[in-house]
Amino acid sequence: MFDNSWRMDCRGILPVVFAACCIGMSLSQTTPTPAVTSTTPSVNVTTLTVTPMILSSTTPGCTALNTSTCESCAPGFLYDNNTLMCSCCSVPGQCLFPGACLPCTKGFYQPLSGQQQCWPCNRGYYTNITGSPLCNPCPAGSFNNNTGADSCTSCSPGFHSSHQSSTSCAPCALGSFCNSSGCAQCQTCPGGAEALQTAAIGCTPCRPGMHKPPHQTLCQICSSGFFQIHWGQENCNVCPENHYCPSPDVSPIQCPGDAFCPEGSLAPSYCMETFFRKAGDTCEFAPVTIALLVIGGGVALLFIILVVLRRRRDT
């Protein structure tokens, strides 16, 4: 047994040496030399000098404690080269003591045990904790284009990423928009509105003379005979009867009294001037036309009579 004076000297040594001292040391008056395989300590009461024992012929100078039972660093941790307590292990990165292993830093991971290095997260993945055995995919609406990242970046307004582990965000297509950051999907512009550019953050209402149903992408010009004088409409109105619509963005115009304007008219329709006139929904002969027909008929009748009389005379 050691006396009290040895115990006080042993406690003054570094913690690692103190731990080894309590298990088995070789004590001598001279310069420390490796001990023999025997674990019996020798004590000289005049001078106490601590010398570590040799636990294995393949690991000379071993100073670690209880290295006869080693285990691998847990997943998410790597071997610490600066930890002396693991210097006796035959395989680097294996030691019973947690202090011999360091956790992987943020952005790095290690899925295996007993490893000497951690791996950076791939693009599109991240980890924001230390000692991580795996990396997480960037959620939809975010991206990451760097390796070893500890976070993902949200997509800017006007952009989106619909899948996990995205390395970039895509602009919203024509007719769709995203007005906030972190969009997983772009929204289609509602009826009566459109987005004329990609990466839009909002929609513009359709101009007068145009319309857009909800299922379409862009606003369309009203068809012939239709009109729309308001902004942001889903459909156009047919030009009413007794009106005509020369342009789809103006109000219907009253049809003139001497013209015809059925529903959907672009312009008024007139009877042939001089010879015809409007009579209700139809055209009728004008008085001058009737007079001309009477005169023409009389002339034709007179000509026929003259022809007949001449033939009789000849006969």
Foldseek 3Di string as FASTA:
>chain_A
DDDPVVVVVLVVDPPLQSQQVVVAWEWDPDDADEDDPDRDHDDDVVDTDTHGYDPDPVQPPQRAHPQVDKAWAAWQKAFDPPDSNCSRDPQTRIGPDNVRIGGAAWQWTAQDTRHHDTHGAAWQWTAQDTSHHDTHGAQWQWTGQDTSHHHTGGAAWQWTAQHTSHHDTHGADWQWTGQGTSHNDTHGAAWQWTGHDTSHNHTFGAAWQWTAHRVDHDIDGADQQWAGQDTRHHHTHGAAFQWAALGRNDHTHGHDPFFGGHISHNHTHHDDPPQWTDDPRDIDGDVVNVVVVVVVVVVVVVVVVVVVVVVVVVD
